Amino acid sequence: KRLAELLKISPLSLLGIGVEYYNR
């Protein structure tokens, strides 16, 4: 959860649930 906050993404994205988005 803390990593997701730092990286400005959803914790679900970091868990591999749902869609991954990359803008770089």
PDB file of all heavy atoms in Angstrom:
ATOM      1  N   LYS A   1       0.832  -1.214   0.000  1.00  0.00           N
ATOM      2  CA  LYS A   1       0.000   0.000   0.000  1.00  0.00           C
ATOM      3  C   LYS A   1       0.858   1.252   0.000  1.00  0.00           C
ATOM      4  O   LYS A   1       0.580   2.220  -0.719  1.00  0.00           O
ATOM      5  CB  LYS A   1      -0.938  -0.009   1.216  1.00  0.00           C
ATOM      6  CG  LYS A   1      -2.025  -1.066   1.160  1.00  0.00           C
ATOM      7  CD  LYS A   1      -2.885  -1.030   2.415  1.00  0.00           C
ATOM      8  CE  LYS A   1      -3.995  -2.061   2.359  1.00  0.00           C
ATOM      9  NZ  LYS A   1      -4.809  -2.074   3.603  1.00  0.00           N
ATOM     10  N   ARG A   2       1.915   1.264   0.810  1.00  0.00           N
ATOM     11  CA  ARG A   2       2.801   2.429   0.871  1.00  0.00           C
ATOM     12  C   ARG A   2       3.552   2.619  -0.442  1.00  0.00           C
ATOM     13  O   ARG A   2       3.743   3.742  -0.908  1.00  0.00           O
ATOM     14  CB  ARG A   2       3.773   2.282   2.031  1.00  0.00           C
ATOM     15  CG  ARG A   2       3.073   2.377   3.401  1.00  0.00           C
ATOM     16  CD  ARG A   2       3.979   1.877   4.511  1.00  0.00           C
ATOM     17  NE  ARG A   2       5.184   2.683   4.628  1.00  0.00           N
ATOM     18  CZ  ARG A   2       6.312   2.259   5.181  1.00  0.00           C
ATOM     19  NH1 ARG A   2       6.380   1.013   5.652  1.00  0.00           N
ATOM     20  NH2 ARG A   2       7.354   3.046   5.258  1.00  0.00           N
ATOM     21  N   LEU A   3       3.974   1.512  -1.047  1.00  0.00           N
ATOM     22  CA  LEU A   3       4.643   1.605  -2.349  1.00  0.00           C
ATOM     23  C   LEU A   3       3.698   2.168  -3.409  1.00  0.00           C
ATOM     24  O   LEU A   3       4.094   3.006  -4.224  1.00  0.00           O
ATOM     25  CB  LEU A   3       5.136   0.221  -2.782  1.00  0.00           C
ATOM     26  CG  LEU A   3       6.472  -0.239  -2.209  1.00  0.00           C
ATOM     27  CD1 LEU A   3       6.662  -1.726  -2.448  1.00  0.00           C
ATOM     28  CD2 LEU A   3       7.615   0.558  -2.829  1.00  0.00           C
ATOM     29  N   ALA A   4       2.457   1.703  -3.396  1.00  0.00           N
ATOM     30  CA  ALA A   4       1.482   2.192  -4.361  1.00  0.00           C
ATOM     31  C   ALA A   4       1.269   3.698  -4.210  1.00  0.00           C
ATOM     32  O   ALA A   4       1.168   4.429  -5.208  1.00  0.00           O
ATOM     33  CB  ALA A   4       0.156   1.442  -4.199  1.00  0.00           C
ATOM     34  N   GLU A   5       1.239   4.174  -2.973  1.00  0.00           N
ATOM     35  CA  GLU A   5       1.096   5.614  -2.737  1.00  0.00           C
ATOM     36  C   GLU A   5       2.298   6.382  -3.302  1.00  0.00           C
ATOM     37  O   GLU A   5       2.141   7.425  -3.942  1.00  0.00           O
ATOM     38  CB  GLU A   5       0.958   5.886  -1.242  1.00  0.00           C
ATOM     39  CG  GLU A   5      -0.369   5.446  -0.646  1.00  0.00           C
ATOM     40  CD  GLU A   5      -0.424   5.667   0.861  1.00  0.00           C
ATOM     41  OE1 GLU A   5       0.518   6.277   1.402  1.00  0.00           O
ATOM     42  OE2 GLU A   5      -1.401   5.223   1.485  1.00  0.00           O
ATOM     43  N   LEU A   6       3.495   5.862  -3.054  1.00  0.00           N
ATOM     44  CA  LEU A   6       4.707   6.521  -3.546  1.00  0.00           C
ATOM     45  C   LEU A   6       4.741   6.554  -5.065  1.00  0.00           C
ATOM     46  O   LEU A   6       5.152   7.552  -5.674  1.00  0.00           O
ATOM     47  CB  LEU A   6       5.949   5.791  -3.038  1.00  0.00           C
ATOM     48  CG  LEU A   6       6.367   6.051  -1.598  1.00  0.00           C
ATOM     49  CD1 LEU A   6       7.513   5.120  -1.210  1.00  0.00           C
ATOM     50  CD2 LEU A   6       6.807   7.505  -1.438  1.00  0.00           C
ATOM     51  N   LEU A   7       4.316   5.460  -5.688  1.00  0.00           N
ATOM     52  CA  LEU A   7       4.375   5.345  -7.138  1.00  0.00           C
ATOM     53  C   LEU A   7       3.144   5.921  -7.823  1.00  0.00           C
ATOM     54  O   LEU A   7       3.061   5.918  -9.056  1.00  0.00           O
ATOM     55  CB  LEU A   7       4.543   3.869  -7.523  1.00  0.00           C
ATOM     56  CG  LEU A   7       5.825   3.196  -7.011  1.00  0.00           C
ATOM     57  CD1 LEU A   7       5.797   1.697  -7.301  1.00  0.00           C
ATOM     58  CD2 LEU A   7       7.064   3.824  -7.632  1.00  0.00           C
ATOM     59  N   LYS A   8       2.179   6.383  -7.008  1.00  0.00           N
ATOM     60  CA  LYS A   8       0.953   7.006  -7.524  1.00  0.00           C
ATOM     61  C   LYS A   8       0.159   6.047  -8.422  1.00  0.00           C
ATOM     62  O   LYS A   8      -0.296   6.402  -9.505  1.00  0.00           O
ATOM     63  CB  LYS A   8       1.275   8.310  -8.273  1.00  0.00           C
ATOM     64  CG  LYS A   8       1.863   9.387  -7.374  1.00  0.00           C
ATOM     65  CD  LYS A   8       2.135  10.660  -8.144  1.00  0.00           C
ATOM     66  CE  LYS A   8       2.527  11.804  -7.213  1.00  0.00           C
ATOM     67  NZ  LYS A   8       3.678  11.505  -6.344  1.00  0.00           N
ATOM     68  N   ILE A   9       0.002   4.828  -7.933  1.00  0.00           N
ATOM     69  CA  ILE A   9      -0.798   3.834  -8.630  1.00  0.00           C
ATOM     70  C   ILE A   9      -1.723   3.162  -7.631  1.00  0.00           C
ATOM     71  O   ILE A   9      -1.580   3.326  -6.420  1.00  0.00           O
ATOM     72  CB  ILE A   9       0.085   2.755  -9.310  1.00  0.00           C
ATOM     73  CG1 ILE A   9       0.951   2.038  -8.264  1.00  0.00           C
ATOM     74  CG2 ILE A   9       0.936   3.354 -10.415  1.00  0.00           C
ATOM     75  CD1 ILE A   9       1.699   0.849  -8.805  1.00  0.00           C
ATOM     76  N   SER A  10      -2.662   2.403  -8.151  1.00  0.00           N
ATOM     77  CA  SER A  10      -3.556   1.634  -7.285  1.00  0.00           C
ATOM     78  C   SER A  10      -2.817   0.425  -6.723  1.00  0.00           C
ATOM     79  O   SER A  10      -2.044  -0.222  -7.442  1.00  0.00           O
ATOM     80  CB  SER A  10      -4.773   1.170  -8.086  1.00  0.00           C
ATOM     81  OG  SER A  10      -5.443   0.126  -7.419  1.00  0.00           O
ATOM     82  N   PRO A  11      -3.048   0.077  -5.448  1.00  0.00           N
ATOM     83  CA  PRO A  11      -2.460  -1.166  -4.923  1.00  0.00           C
ATOM     84  C   PRO A  11      -2.855  -2.384  -5.751  1.00  0.00           C
ATOM     85  O   PRO A  11      -2.083  -3.331  -5.879  1.00  0.00           O
ATOM     86  CB  PRO A  11      -3.041  -1.252  -3.502  1.00  0.00           C
ATOM     87  CG  PRO A  11      -3.357   0.157  -3.133  1.00  0.00           C
ATOM     88  CD  PRO A  11      -3.797   0.816  -4.415  1.00  0.00           C
ATOM     89  N   LEU A  12      -4.054  -2.350  -6.336  1.00  0.00           N
ATOM     90  CA  LEU A  12      -4.490  -3.467  -7.169  1.00  0.00           C
ATOM     91  C   LEU A  12      -3.598  -3.630  -8.393  1.00  0.00           C
ATOM     92  O   LEU A  12      -3.329  -4.748  -8.839  1.00  0.00           O
ATOM     93  CB  LEU A  12      -5.949  -3.274  -7.595  1.00  0.00           C
ATOM     94  CG  LEU A  12      -6.986  -3.299  -6.473  1.00  0.00           C
ATOM     95  CD1 LEU A  12      -8.384  -3.076  -7.031  1.00  0.00           C
ATOM     96  CD2 LEU A  12      -6.922  -4.619  -5.707  1.00  0.00           C
ATOM     97  N   SER A  13      -3.133  -2.497  -8.947  1.00  0.00           N
ATOM     98  CA  SER A  13      -2.231  -2.571 -10.099  1.00  0.00           C
ATOM     99  C   SER A  13      -0.930  -3.251  -9.715  1.00  0.00           C
ATOM    100  O   SER A  13      -0.393  -4.083 -10.452  1.00  0.00           O
ATOM    101  CB  SER A  13      -1.937  -1.170 -10.649  1.00  0.00           C
ATOM    102  OG  SER A  13      -3.098  -0.582 -11.173  1.00  0.00           O
ATOM    103  N   LEU A  14      -0.420  -2.924  -8.534  1.00  0.00           N
ATOM    104  CA  LEU A  14       0.829  -3.522  -8.072  1.00  0.00           C
ATOM    105  C   LEU A  14       0.639  -5.009  -7.776  1.00  0.00           C
ATOM    106  O   LEU A  14       1.586  -5.794  -7.895  1.00  0.00           O
ATOM    107  CB  LEU A  14       1.321  -2.788  -6.817  1.00  0.00           C
ATOM    108  CG  LEU A  14       2.805  -2.915  -6.463  1.00  0.00           C
ATOM    109  CD1 LEU A  14       3.686  -2.572  -7.648  1.00  0.00           C
ATOM    110  CD2 LEU A  14       3.127  -2.007  -5.281  1.00  0.00           C
ATOM    111  N   LEU A  15      -0.572  -5.392  -7.421  1.00  0.00           N
ATOM    112  CA  LEU A  15      -0.873  -6.804  -7.170  1.00  0.00           C
ATOM    113  C   LEU A  15      -1.187  -7.567  -8.456  1.00  0.00           C
ATOM    114  O   LEU A  15      -1.423  -8.763  -8.427  1.00  0.00           O
ATOM    115  CB  LEU A  15      -2.061  -6.918  -6.208  1.00  0.00           C
ATOM    116  CG  LEU A  15      -1.778  -6.526  -4.750  1.00  0.00           C
ATOM    117  CD1 LEU A  15      -3.080  -6.379  -3.979  1.00  0.00           C
ATOM    118  CD2 LEU A  15      -0.873  -7.558  -4.080  1.00  0.00           C
ATOM    119  N   GLY A  16      -1.209  -6.850  -9.577  1.00  0.00           N
ATOM    120  CA  GLY A  16      -1.487  -7.511 -10.849  1.00  0.00           C
ATOM    121  C   GLY A  16      -2.947  -7.776 -11.096  1.00  0.00           C
ATOM    122  O   GLY A  16      -3.313  -8.656 -11.871  1.00  0.00           O
ATOM    123  N   ILE A  17      -3.804  -7.014 -10.435  1.00  0.00           N
ATOM    124  CA  ILE A  17      -5.247  -7.174 -10.590  1.00  0.00           C
ATOM    125  C   ILE A  17      -5.766  -6.004 -11.415  1.00  0.00           C
ATOM    126  O   ILE A  17      -5.554  -4.849 -11.078  1.00  0.00           O
ATOM    127  CB  ILE A  17      -5.959  -7.216  -9.229  1.00  0.00           C
ATOM    128  CG1 ILE A  17      -5.410  -8.379  -8.392  1.00  0.00           C
ATOM    129  CG2 ILE A  17      -7.466  -7.335  -9.413  1.00  0.00           C
ATOM    130  CD1 ILE A  17      -5.898  -8.377  -6.970  1.00  0.00           C
ATOM    131  N   GLY A  18      -6.455  -6.301 -12.525  1.00  0.00           N
ATOM    132  CA  GLY A  18      -6.977  -5.232 -13.353  1.00  0.00           C
ATOM    133  C   GLY A  18      -6.018  -4.863 -14.470  1.00  0.00           C
ATOM    134  O   GLY A  18      -5.186  -5.651 -14.903  1.00  0.00           O
ATOM    135  N   VAL A  19      -6.121  -3.622 -14.917  1.00  0.00           N
ATOM    136  CA  VAL A  19      -5.364  -3.141 -16.067  1.00  0.00           C
ATOM    137  C   VAL A  19      -4.132  -2.383 -15.599  1.00  0.00           C
ATOM    138  O   VAL A  19      -4.196  -1.612 -14.642  1.00  0.00           O
ATOM    139  CB  VAL A  19      -6.247  -2.216 -16.942  1.00  0.00           C
ATOM    140  CG1 VAL A  19      -5.478  -1.744 -18.168  1.00  0.00           C
ATOM    141  CG2 VAL A  19      -7.516  -2.935 -17.361  1.00  0.00           C
ATOM    142  N   GLU A  20      -3.022  -2.605 -16.271  1.00  0.00           N
ATOM    143  CA  GLU A  20      -1.802  -1.850 -15.990  1.00  0.00           C
ATOM    144  C   GLU A  20      -1.694  -0.714 -17.001  1.00  0.00           C
ATOM    145  O   GLU A  20      -1.889  -0.926 -18.203  1.00  0.00           O
ATOM    146  CB  GLU A  20      -0.567  -2.741 -16.130  1.00  0.00           C
ATOM    147  CG  GLU A  20      -0.557  -3.970 -15.243  1.00  0.00           C
ATOM    148  CD  GLU A  20       0.598  -4.890 -15.587  1.00  0.00           C
ATOM    149  OE1 GLU A  20       1.729  -4.392 -15.797  1.00  0.00           O
ATOM    150  OE2 GLU A  20       0.376  -6.114 -15.661  1.00  0.00           O
ATOM    151  N   TYR A  21      -1.350   0.479 -16.519  1.00  0.00           N
ATOM    152  CA  TYR A  21      -1.178   1.636 -17.394  1.00  0.00           C
ATOM    153  C   TYR A  21       0.234   2.188 -17.230  1.00  0.00           C
ATOM    154  O   TYR A  21       0.753   2.275 -16.115  1.00  0.00           O
ATOM    155  CB  TYR A  21      -2.189   2.733 -17.045  1.00  0.00           C
ATOM    156  CG  TYR A  21      -3.630   2.339 -17.259  1.00  0.00           C
ATOM    157  CD1 TYR A  21      -4.438   1.978 -16.184  1.00  0.00           C
ATOM    158  CD2 TYR A  21      -4.188   2.310 -18.536  1.00  0.00           C
ATOM    159  CE1 TYR A  21      -5.761   1.610 -16.370  1.00  0.00           C
ATOM    160  CE2 TYR A  21      -5.506   1.940 -18.734  1.00  0.00           C
ATOM    161  CZ  TYR A  21      -6.288   1.597 -17.650  1.00  0.00           C
ATOM    162  OH  TYR A  21      -7.602   1.226 -17.843  1.00  0.00           O
ATOM    163  N   TYR A  22       0.828   2.583 -18.350  1.00  0.00           N
ATOM    164  CA  TYR A  22       2.169   3.171 -18.336  1.00  0.00           C
ATOM    165  C   TYR A  22       2.171   4.397 -19.247  1.00  0.00           C
ATOM    166  O   TYR A  22       1.746   4.306 -20.411  1.00  0.00           O
ATOM    167  CB  TYR A  22       3.212   2.160 -18.831  1.00  0.00           C
ATOM    168  CG  TYR A  22       3.296   0.933 -17.963  1.00  0.00           C
ATOM    169  CD1 TYR A  22       2.536  -0.201 -18.253  1.00  0.00           C
ATOM    170  CD2 TYR A  22       4.115   0.909 -16.843  1.00  0.00           C
ATOM    171  CE1 TYR A  22       2.599  -1.327 -17.442  1.00  0.00           C
ATOM    172  CE2 TYR A  22       4.178  -0.212 -16.024  1.00  0.00           C
ATOM    173  CZ  TYR A  22       3.422  -1.319 -16.330  1.00  0.00           C
ATOM    174  OH  TYR A  22       3.481  -2.427 -15.524  1.00  0.00           O
ATOM    175  N   ASN A  23       2.621   5.532 -18.715  1.00  0.00           N
ATOM    176  CA  ASN A  23       2.671   6.723 -19.561  1.00  0.00           C
ATOM    177  C   ASN A  23       4.094   7.149 -19.917  1.00  0.00           C
ATOM    178  O   ASN A  23       4.303   8.248 -20.404  1.00  0.00           O
ATOM    179  CB  ASN A  23       1.904   7.900 -18.929  1.00  0.00           C
ATOM    180  CG  ASN A  23       2.422   8.265 -17.550  1.00  0.00           C
ATOM    181  OD1 ASN A  23       3.568   7.973 -17.202  1.00  0.00           O
ATOM    182  ND2 ASN A  23       1.582   8.907 -16.758  1.00  0.00           N
ATOM    183  N   ARG A  24       5.056   6.243 -19.662  1.00  0.00           N
ATOM    184  CA  ARG A  24       6.429   6.469 -20.099  1.00  0.00           C
ATOM    185  C   ARG A  24       6.950   5.198 -20.755  1.00  0.00           C
ATOM    186  O   ARG A  24       6.670   4.088 -20.281  1.00  0.00           O
ATOM    187  CB  ARG A  24       7.330   6.851 -18.919  1.00  0.00           C
ATOM    188  CG  ARG A  24       6.889   8.115 -18.193  1.00  0.00           C
ATOM    189  CD  ARG A  24       7.777   8.376 -16.993  1.00  0.00           C
ATOM    190  NE  ARG A  24       9.091   8.865 -17.388  1.00  0.00           N
ATOM    191  CZ  ARG A  24      10.149   8.836 -16.580  1.00  0.00           C
ATOM    192  NH1 ARG A  24      10.055   8.306 -15.381  1.00  0.00           N
ATOM    193  NH2 ARG A  24      11.299   9.323 -16.988  1.00  0.00           N
TER     194      ARG A  24
END
